[in-house]
Protein backbone atom coordinates (compact mmCIF):
# COMPACT_ATOMS: atom_id res chain seq x y z
CA MET A 1 -30.86 -133.45 1.05
CA GLU A 2 -30.48 -132.97 4.80
CA ALA A 3 -31.71 -129.81 6.60
CA THR A 4 -30.07 -128.58 9.77
CA THR A 5 -33.46 -127.94 11.38
CA PRO A 6 -36.25 -130.56 11.57
CA LEU A 7 -39.03 -129.87 9.16
CA ILE A 8 -42.26 -128.28 10.30
CA ASP A 9 -45.38 -129.91 8.96
CA ARG A 10 -47.99 -127.80 7.22
CA LYS A 11 -50.64 -128.20 9.99
CA THR A 12 -48.16 -126.42 12.42
CA LEU A 13 -47.42 -123.87 10.05
CA GLU A 14 -51.05 -123.07 9.23
CA ALA A 15 -51.97 -123.21 12.92
CA GLY A 16 -49.31 -120.48 13.80
CA ALA A 17 -50.02 -118.17 11.00
CA GLY A 18 -50.20 -114.39 11.62
CA PRO A 19 -47.64 -111.68 12.39
CA PHE A 20 -45.54 -112.38 15.57
CA SER A 21 -47.44 -115.68 16.03
CA ARG A 22 -46.29 -118.50 18.30
CA PHE A 23 -44.87 -120.24 15.41
CA GLU A 24 -42.53 -117.18 14.67
CA TRP A 25 -41.44 -117.09 18.14
CA MET A 26 -40.84 -120.88 18.29
CA MET A 27 -38.58 -120.61 15.05
CA ALA A 28 -36.69 -117.69 16.28
CA ARG A 29 -35.97 -119.31 19.54
CA ARG A 30 -34.71 -122.46 17.59
CA PHE A 31 -32.70 -120.52 15.43
CA VAL A 32 -31.04 -118.71 18.33
CA THR A 33 -30.57 -121.75 20.41
CA ALA A 34 -27.72 -123.52 18.71
CA ARG A 35 -27.06 -127.37 18.78
CA ARG A 36 -23.77 -128.98 19.22
CA SER A 37 -22.96 -128.79 15.52
CA GLU A 38 -23.74 -125.07 15.62
CA ARG A 39 -21.68 -123.93 18.54
CA PHE A 40 -19.85 -121.19 16.53
CA VAL A 41 -23.32 -119.44 16.11
CA SER A 42 -24.07 -119.98 19.78
CA VAL A 43 -20.76 -118.29 20.75
CA ILE A 44 -21.52 -115.17 18.68
CA THR A 45 -24.92 -114.92 20.28
CA TRP A 46 -23.30 -115.07 23.73
CA ILE A 47 -20.77 -112.38 22.74
CA SER A 48 -23.56 -110.12 21.60
CA VAL A 49 -25.57 -110.52 24.79
CA ILE A 50 -22.49 -109.90 26.80
CA GLY A 51 -21.61 -106.91 24.82
CA ILE A 52 -25.05 -105.41 25.26
CA THR A 53 -25.04 -106.20 28.91
CA LEU A 54 -21.51 -104.70 29.54
CA GLY A 55 -22.58 -101.50 27.39
CA VAL A 56 -25.67 -100.88 29.34
CA ALA A 57 -24.26 -101.57 32.73
CA THR A 58 -21.20 -99.40 32.19
CA LEU A 59 -23.18 -96.59 31.05
CA ILE A 60 -25.63 -96.85 33.89
CA ILE A 61 -22.82 -96.99 36.38
CA VAL A 62 -20.72 -94.17 35.08
CA MET A 63 -23.65 -91.84 34.68
CA ALA A 64 -24.86 -92.71 38.40
CA VAL A 65 -21.37 -92.06 39.62
CA MET A 66 -20.98 -88.73 37.85
CA ASN A 67 -24.65 -87.74 39.09
CA GLY A 68 -23.74 -88.72 42.73
CA PHE A 69 -20.34 -87.04 42.49
CA ARG A 70 -21.95 -83.65 41.30
CA GLN A 71 -24.75 -83.96 43.80
CA GLU A 72 -22.51 -84.66 46.78
CA LEU A 73 -20.14 -82.01 45.87
CA LEU A 74 -23.13 -79.59 45.62
CA ASP A 75 -24.52 -80.57 48.83
CA LYS A 76 -21.19 -80.14 50.62
CA ILE A 77 -20.63 -76.85 48.87
CA LEU A 78 -23.99 -75.27 49.61
CA GLY A 79 -24.14 -77.02 52.95
CA ILE A 80 -21.43 -74.74 54.36
CA ASN A 81 -21.31 -71.84 51.80
CA GLY A 82 -24.41 -69.66 51.44
CA HIS A 83 -26.46 -69.76 48.24
CA VAL A 84 -26.28 -65.89 47.96
CA ILE A 85 -23.63 -63.66 49.61
CA ILE A 86 -23.97 -60.05 50.04
CA TYR A 87 -21.27 -57.44 50.70
CA PRO A 88 -21.41 -53.75 51.75
CA ALA A 89 -20.93 -51.49 48.66
CA ASP A 90 -20.42 -48.19 50.70
CA THR A 91 -19.93 -48.30 54.47
CA ALA A 92 -18.95 -51.30 56.59
CA PHE A 93 -21.57 -53.77 57.85
CA THR A 94 -22.08 -52.28 61.16
CA ASP A 95 -25.86 -52.91 61.13
CA TYR A 96 -25.45 -56.63 60.09
CA ALA A 97 -27.56 -57.69 62.88
CA GLU A 98 -30.55 -55.66 61.46
CA VAL A 99 -30.07 -56.55 58.00
CA ALA A 100 -29.96 -60.15 58.74
CA ALA A 101 -33.15 -59.80 60.92
CA ARG A 102 -34.81 -58.29 57.88
CA LEU A 103 -33.56 -60.92 55.39
CA ASN A 104 -34.65 -63.94 57.73
CA ALA A 105 -38.05 -62.50 57.60
CA LEU A 106 -38.32 -63.03 53.82
CA PRO A 107 -40.46 -66.18 52.98
CA ASP A 108 -37.88 -67.71 50.64
CA VAL A 109 -34.91 -67.18 53.02
CA VAL A 110 -34.03 -70.11 55.42
CA ARG A 111 -31.46 -68.15 57.23
CA ALA A 112 -28.98 -65.13 56.88
CA VAL A 113 -25.52 -65.66 58.59
CA PRO A 114 -23.21 -62.70 59.12
CA LEU A 115 -19.62 -63.71 58.76
CA ALA A 116 -16.33 -62.22 59.81
CA GLU A 117 -13.77 -64.33 57.92
CA SER A 118 -10.00 -64.11 56.70
CA GLN A 119 -7.19 -66.31 55.59
CA VAL A 120 -4.77 -67.05 58.45
CA MET A 121 -1.98 -69.36 59.18
CA ALA A 122 -2.61 -71.96 61.86
CA SER A 123 0.09 -73.79 63.65
CA GLY A 124 0.09 -76.77 66.07
CA ALA A 125 2.47 -79.51 67.19
CA GLY A 126 5.24 -78.60 64.79
CA ALA A 127 3.19 -78.28 61.84
CA ALA A 128 1.39 -75.25 60.00
CA ALA A 129 -1.29 -74.87 57.31
CA GLY A 130 -3.31 -72.27 55.55
CA VAL A 131 -6.80 -71.86 56.95
CA LEU A 132 -10.03 -69.92 56.09
CA LEU A 133 -11.14 -68.54 59.47
CA ARG A 134 -14.78 -67.88 59.89
CA GLY A 135 -16.33 -66.05 62.80
CA ILE A 136 -20.10 -67.09 63.12
CA ARG A 137 -22.81 -66.41 65.78
CA PRO A 138 -23.19 -69.38 68.08
CA ASP A 139 -26.87 -69.58 67.38
CA ASP A 140 -26.23 -69.76 63.65
CA ILE A 141 -23.60 -72.60 63.91
CA GLU A 142 -26.31 -74.84 65.14
CA ALA A 143 -28.31 -74.20 61.83
CA ILE A 144 -25.35 -75.36 59.74
CA GLU A 145 -26.00 -79.00 59.62
CA SER A 146 -22.76 -79.86 57.84
CA VAL A 147 -20.90 -78.73 60.79
CA ALA A 148 -22.80 -79.26 63.83
CA ASP A 149 -24.10 -82.65 62.80
CA THR A 150 -20.61 -83.86 61.84
CA LEU A 151 -18.80 -83.34 65.12
CA ARG A 152 -16.50 -86.44 65.57
CA GLN A 153 -14.91 -85.00 68.91
CA GLY A 154 -15.71 -82.37 71.39
CA SER A 155 -19.15 -80.45 71.48
CA LEU A 156 -20.65 -77.12 70.83
CA VAL A 157 -20.96 -75.98 74.50
CA SER A 158 -17.77 -73.87 74.58
CA PHE A 159 -18.51 -72.40 71.22
CA MET A 160 -22.07 -71.54 72.41
CA GLY A 161 -20.42 -69.81 75.39
CA GLY A 162 -18.57 -67.60 73.16
CA GLU A 163 -15.14 -69.09 72.92
CA GLY A 164 -13.23 -71.97 71.39
CA LEU A 165 -12.27 -73.17 67.93
CA LEU A 166 -14.00 -75.73 65.57
CA ILE A 167 -11.68 -77.34 62.99
CA GLY A 168 -11.94 -80.03 60.33
CA LEU A 169 -10.64 -83.56 60.94
CA ARG A 170 -8.01 -83.45 58.24
CA LEU A 171 -6.68 -79.96 59.60
CA ALA A 172 -6.55 -81.58 62.99
CA GLN A 173 -4.52 -84.40 61.72
CA ASN A 174 -2.27 -82.09 59.74
CA LEU A 175 -1.57 -79.92 62.83
CA GLY A 176 -1.20 -82.88 65.10
CA VAL A 177 -3.90 -81.55 67.63
CA ARG A 178 -6.64 -83.00 69.52
CA ILE A 179 -9.53 -81.63 71.73
CA GLY A 180 -8.08 -79.23 74.40
CA ASP A 181 -4.96 -78.48 72.53
CA ARG A 182 -4.26 -74.82 71.52
CA VAL A 183 -3.81 -73.82 67.90
CA THR A 184 -1.85 -70.64 67.11
CA LEU A 185 -3.29 -68.34 64.46
CA LEU A 186 -1.29 -65.84 62.68
CA GLN A 187 -2.83 -62.95 60.55
CA PRO A 188 -0.25 -61.16 58.54
CA ARG A 189 -2.30 -57.93 58.29
CA GLY A 190 -2.15 -57.13 61.98
CA GLU A 191 -1.83 -53.98 64.07
CA VAL A 192 -0.15 -50.86 63.09
CA THR A 193 2.60 -49.78 65.53
CA PRO A 194 5.59 -47.17 65.36
CA PHE A 195 7.66 -50.02 64.16
CA GLY A 196 5.25 -51.02 61.41
CA VAL A 197 2.62 -53.51 60.92
CA THR A 198 2.97 -56.43 63.23
CA PRO A 199 1.09 -59.78 62.69
CA ARG A 200 -1.60 -60.79 65.05
CA VAL A 201 -0.72 -63.90 66.81
CA ARG A 202 -3.16 -65.64 69.34
CA ALA A 203 -3.74 -69.14 70.64
CA TYR A 204 -7.05 -70.75 70.88
CA PRO A 205 -8.25 -74.10 72.33
CA VAL A 206 -9.82 -76.71 69.99
CA THR A 207 -13.07 -77.32 71.48
CA GLY A 208 -14.75 -79.38 68.45
CA ILE A 209 -13.51 -81.46 65.42
CA PHE A 210 -15.87 -81.94 62.65
CA GLU A 211 -15.72 -84.14 59.41
CA MET A 212 -17.98 -82.90 56.50
CA GLY A 213 -16.78 -85.77 54.26
CA MET A 214 -15.20 -83.29 51.81
CA ALA A 215 -11.45 -83.32 51.99
CA GLU A 216 -10.89 -79.81 50.99
CA TYR A 217 -13.35 -78.25 53.51
CA ASP A 218 -12.12 -80.72 56.44
CA SER A 219 -8.56 -79.47 55.96
CA THR A 220 -9.06 -75.71 55.37
CA PHE A 221 -12.00 -74.50 57.47
CA ALA A 222 -12.00 -73.37 60.94
CA PHE A 223 -14.89 -71.69 62.98
CA MET A 224 -14.94 -69.48 65.98
CA PRO A 225 -17.72 -67.46 67.72
CA LEU A 226 -18.36 -64.04 65.90
CA GLU A 227 -17.26 -61.67 68.80
CA GLN A 228 -14.08 -63.45 69.24
CA ALA A 229 -13.24 -63.38 65.59
CA GLN A 230 -14.23 -59.68 65.39
CA SER A 231 -11.67 -59.07 68.22
CA TYR A 232 -8.92 -61.12 66.60
CA LEU A 233 -9.45 -59.80 63.14
CA GLY A 234 -9.70 -56.22 64.42
CA LEU A 235 -13.14 -55.80 62.72
CA ASP A 236 -14.50 -53.55 65.46
CA GLY A 237 -17.94 -54.90 65.56
CA THR A 238 -18.41 -55.17 61.91
CA VAL A 239 -18.49 -58.26 59.42
CA ASN A 240 -17.17 -58.86 56.05
CA ALA A 241 -20.30 -60.49 54.55
CA ILE A 242 -23.71 -62.10 55.02
CA GLU A 243 -24.45 -65.42 53.69
CA ILE A 244 -27.95 -66.26 52.68
CA PHE A 245 -29.41 -69.78 52.56
CA ILE A 246 -32.64 -70.23 50.64
CA GLU A 247 -35.12 -72.97 50.19
CA ASP A 248 -34.33 -73.77 46.58
CA PRO A 249 -30.85 -73.09 45.47
CA GLU A 250 -31.64 -73.82 41.76
CA GLU A 251 -34.16 -70.73 41.83
CA ILE A 252 -32.09 -67.97 43.00
CA ASP A 253 -33.04 -65.19 40.60
CA PRO A 254 -36.58 -64.43 41.77
CA VAL A 255 -35.12 -64.11 45.43
CA LEU A 256 -32.32 -61.72 44.43
CA ALA A 257 -34.45 -58.60 44.02
CA LYS A 258 -36.25 -59.30 47.41
CA ILE A 259 -32.98 -59.56 49.08
CA GLU A 260 -31.76 -56.41 47.63
CA THR A 261 -34.89 -54.55 48.82
CA ALA A 262 -34.89 -56.15 52.37
CA ALA A 263 -31.14 -55.09 52.72
CA GLU A 264 -32.24 -51.39 52.72
CA ARG A 265 -28.75 -50.24 51.96
CA GLN A 266 -26.18 -50.35 49.13
CA ILE A 267 -24.88 -53.94 48.58
CA TYR A 268 -23.56 -56.11 45.86
CA THR A 269 -24.32 -59.81 45.73
CA THR A 270 -23.10 -63.09 44.40
CA ASP A 271 -24.37 -66.45 44.22
CA TRP A 272 -23.05 -70.17 44.18
CA ARG A 273 -23.53 -70.38 40.57
CA ARG A 274 -21.06 -67.72 39.78
CA ARG A 275 -18.62 -68.59 42.39
CA ASN A 276 -18.55 -72.21 41.06
CA ALA A 277 -19.46 -71.78 37.52
CA THR A 278 -16.34 -73.11 35.98
CA PHE A 279 -16.21 -76.17 38.38
CA PHE A 280 -19.67 -77.23 37.79
CA ASN A 281 -19.58 -76.43 33.83
CA THR A 282 -16.67 -78.81 33.61
CA LEU A 283 -18.51 -81.54 35.54
CA GLN A 284 -21.50 -81.22 32.95
CA VAL A 285 -19.13 -81.19 29.80
CA GLU A 286 -17.33 -84.41 31.30
CA ARG A 287 -20.61 -85.90 31.90
CA ASN A 288 -21.92 -85.37 28.50
CA VAL A 289 -18.48 -86.47 26.78
CA MET A 290 -18.59 -89.65 28.81
CA PHE A 291 -22.08 -90.42 27.72
CA LEU A 292 -21.29 -90.04 24.16
CA ILE A 293 -18.20 -92.14 24.52
CA LEU A 294 -19.71 -95.06 26.32
CA THR A 295 -22.54 -95.15 24.02
CA LEU A 296 -19.94 -96.37 21.45
CA ILE A 297 -19.83 -99.59 23.64
CA ILE A 298 -23.51 -100.14 23.01
CA LEU A 299 -23.09 -99.45 19.42
CA ILE A 300 -20.27 -101.86 18.95
CA ALA A 301 -22.47 -104.42 20.65
CA ALA A 302 -25.19 -103.71 18.21
CA LEU A 303 -22.71 -104.37 15.43
CA ASN A 304 -22.08 -107.74 17.08
CA ILE A 305 -25.70 -108.52 16.53
CA ILE A 306 -25.67 -107.67 12.89
CA SER A 307 -22.65 -109.91 12.29
CA GLY A 308 -24.14 -112.77 14.42
CA LEU A 309 -27.47 -112.51 12.63
CA ILE A 310 -25.76 -112.45 9.13
CA THR A 311 -23.82 -115.55 10.30
CA LEU A 312 -27.00 -117.16 11.41
CA VAL A 313 -28.68 -116.39 8.13
CA ARG A 314 -26.08 -118.10 6.22
CA ASP A 315 -25.96 -121.15 8.53
CA LYS A 316 -29.76 -121.61 8.34
CA THR A 317 -30.04 -120.93 4.47
CA ALA A 318 -31.49 -124.57 3.91
CA ASP A 319 -33.87 -124.16 6.80
CA ILE A 320 -35.18 -120.74 5.35
CA ALA A 321 -35.59 -122.27 2.07
CA ILE A 322 -37.64 -125.21 3.33
CA LEU A 323 -39.77 -122.83 5.21
CA ARG A 324 -40.39 -120.86 2.14
CA THR A 325 -41.36 -123.97 0.17
CA MET A 326 -43.76 -124.85 2.84
CA GLY A 327 -45.65 -121.51 2.40
CA THR A 328 -43.89 -119.09 4.85
CA ASP A 329 -43.86 -115.76 3.10
CA ARG A 330 -40.96 -113.15 3.04
CA TYR A 331 -42.57 -111.11 5.88
CA ALA A 332 -42.78 -114.00 8.27
CA VAL A 333 -39.02 -114.82 7.72
CA LEU A 334 -38.16 -111.26 8.30
CA ARG A 335 -40.20 -111.26 11.52
CA ILE A 336 -38.52 -114.45 12.61
CA PHE A 337 -35.01 -112.99 12.29
CA PHE A 338 -36.17 -109.64 13.73
CA ILE A 339 -37.35 -111.54 16.80
CA ALA A 340 -34.27 -113.48 17.10
CA GLY A 341 -32.01 -110.37 16.99
CA ALA A 342 -34.38 -108.30 19.14
CA SER A 343 -34.44 -111.02 21.81
CA ILE A 344 -30.50 -110.80 21.90
CA GLY A 345 -30.76 -106.97 22.52
CA VAL A 346 -33.64 -107.28 25.13
CA ALA A 347 -31.81 -110.03 26.99
CA GLY A 348 -28.59 -108.12 27.12
CA THR A 349 -30.33 -104.80 28.20
CA MET A 350 -32.22 -106.23 30.95
CA VAL A 351 -29.29 -108.12 32.31
CA GLY A 352 -27.20 -104.91 31.98
CA LEU A 353 -29.86 -102.93 33.84
CA ALA A 354 -29.86 -105.47 36.53
CA LEU A 355 -26.09 -105.64 36.77
CA GLY A 356 -25.74 -101.85 36.71
CA THR A 357 -28.36 -101.34 39.45
CA LEU A 358 -26.69 -103.87 41.71
CA VAL A 359 -23.17 -102.31 41.27
CA CYS A 360 -24.65 -98.67 41.83
CA ALA A 361 -26.32 -99.94 45.15
CA ASN A 362 -23.01 -101.32 46.53
CA ILE A 363 -20.50 -99.06 44.92
CA GLU A 364 -18.73 -98.01 48.07
CA THR A 365 -18.41 -101.60 49.33
CA ILE A 366 -16.96 -102.69 45.92
CA ARG A 367 -14.52 -99.84 45.88
CA GLN A 368 -13.32 -100.79 49.39
CA TRP A 369 -13.12 -104.35 48.30
CA ILE A 370 -10.87 -103.53 45.15
CA SER A 371 -8.77 -101.15 47.22
CA ALA A 372 -8.03 -103.93 49.77
CA LEU A 373 -7.49 -106.44 47.14
CA THR A 374 -5.10 -104.42 44.87
CA GLY A 375 -3.42 -102.43 47.85
CA THR A 376 -4.21 -99.03 46.10
CA GLU A 377 -6.60 -96.12 46.92
CA LEU A 378 -8.93 -95.93 44.01
CA PHE A 379 -10.81 -92.77 45.10
CA SER A 380 -8.47 -90.46 46.79
CA PRO A 381 -10.16 -87.71 48.86
CA GLU A 382 -7.24 -85.31 48.07
CA VAL A 383 -7.86 -85.56 44.38
CA TYR A 384 -11.79 -86.25 44.29
CA TYR A 385 -12.59 -84.03 47.34
CA LEU A 386 -15.08 -86.70 48.78
CA THR A 387 -14.21 -89.44 51.12
CA GLN A 388 -16.68 -91.91 49.57
CA LEU A 389 -17.57 -92.86 46.13
CA PRO A 390 -21.14 -91.80 45.51
CA ALA A 391 -23.68 -93.25 43.03
CA GLU A 392 -27.11 -91.67 42.24
CA MET A 393 -29.18 -93.24 39.64
CA ASP A 394 -31.45 -90.87 37.63
CA PRO A 395 -34.71 -92.66 36.57
CA SER A 396 -34.91 -90.58 33.51
CA GLU A 397 -31.28 -91.31 32.41
CA VAL A 398 -31.55 -94.97 33.12
CA PHE A 399 -34.61 -95.14 30.99
CA ALA A 400 -32.79 -93.14 28.23
CA VAL A 401 -29.87 -95.56 28.32
CA VAL A 402 -32.24 -98.66 28.17
CA ALA A 403 -34.45 -97.11 25.33
CA MET A 404 -31.26 -96.26 23.46
CA ALA A 405 -29.89 -99.77 23.81
CA LEU A 406 -33.22 -101.36 22.70
CA PHE A 407 -33.35 -98.97 19.72
CA LEU A 408 -30.07 -99.87 18.52
CA SER A 409 -30.53 -103.39 19.04
CA PHE A 410 -33.71 -103.47 17.09
CA ILE A 411 -32.19 -101.25 14.17
CA ALA A 412 -29.28 -103.81 14.10
CA THR A 413 -31.64 -106.66 13.26
CA LEU A 414 -33.37 -105.05 10.29
CA TYR A 415 -30.61 -105.72 7.71
CA PRO A 416 -29.97 -109.29 8.49
CA ALA A 417 -33.72 -110.04 8.78
CA TRP A 418 -34.32 -108.40 5.31
CA ARG A 419 -31.24 -110.49 3.85
CA ALA A 420 -33.10 -113.57 5.18
CA ALA A 421 -36.48 -112.58 3.68
CA GLN A 422 -34.86 -111.99 0.27
CA LEU A 423 -33.44 -115.37 0.15
CA ASP A 424 -34.41 -117.36 -3.04
CA PRO A 425 -35.56 -120.88 -1.95
CA VAL A 426 -34.67 -122.46 -5.34
CA GLU A 427 -31.15 -120.98 -5.35
CA ALA A 428 -30.69 -121.91 -1.75
CA LEU A 429 -31.77 -125.52 -2.29
CA ARG A 430 -29.93 -126.07 -5.51
CA GLY A 431 -26.65 -126.52 -3.77
CA GLU A 432 -27.93 -128.98 -1.14
């Protein structure tokens, strides 16, 4: 009779007695580390490790990208749009300056920005596009960092002087204009004349071009000084709304009552959650569904551990029988194969964590490299709104992924380990 594993003498066995002793760890390592005659077992082991690695890394990367996508969109949306917007409920906002001053005095309010806005048609060098024109006070434009800090061409000097037009980079490219060129704005609802309503058509020089990094905003937004916008839109010293930026956009409800009180007039309000509810709810649903789908990858890898350990138990039947005849009890055999399977799960999980972290840290570089290699655009700004692929790892989510992978790996080892512990040494050696 010839065993596939060298025998362990009783002295070594007795010296290593005890749960999870050095002897059990040594035997688990020898069982997992196959020799030349056992390459099939080694291949299955490596497949199990790679499966766990890819499952953990993929789940971490996808969740990080979706978190980054949501956070980037939230930052862009809230960077240029107010967290709370108030509209006049009875008379026009002729007292907007006083209302804004009272709102700015609230401790939870960062700033209140009166707006005169309208949809207009903009035309440049042979091209035209729909634009959301916003009139804003020169002092307020400096406080909107998503515009003031992202100027790629021009400056705010003319804007602060009460004239000029700030447009997004993509809008400038679509219209074919540069700094100093004039953009013609057309508003269909113009002045009433004896011949009917005539559109308002005026040309303004481009004094600044900004790039927020969100394709939709860079191609549709245009800013001009408030008084200039009021004159062009025919608002006669009024504004359409007042946008309010607060310190914590996630905690709006406690501030709403204070805003309504400080306004001291009839208003109705809306906030960023209601205006973007469908969009962010869709992102949340997609995020949850992707988590469930990608969890199946880890589950399949755990099933590979089961099949690999079952194969290992069958391959090591004679060795298990010899260990049993030398005094190793069933529980020790169970622990040995539990350690063997758990080691595969832990190794795959840790490598997957390292791989996922490395990819997330260099996700944009990897995207650019793949795009250059394949000659395709993997992350189109027109489709995904953002110009760069974001990734933001959430420590709690990473911990949940790692914990789930380890849990599934440990659970997967229990049945094969139990099968090994139930092996009858007499029956196993009878066929040798």
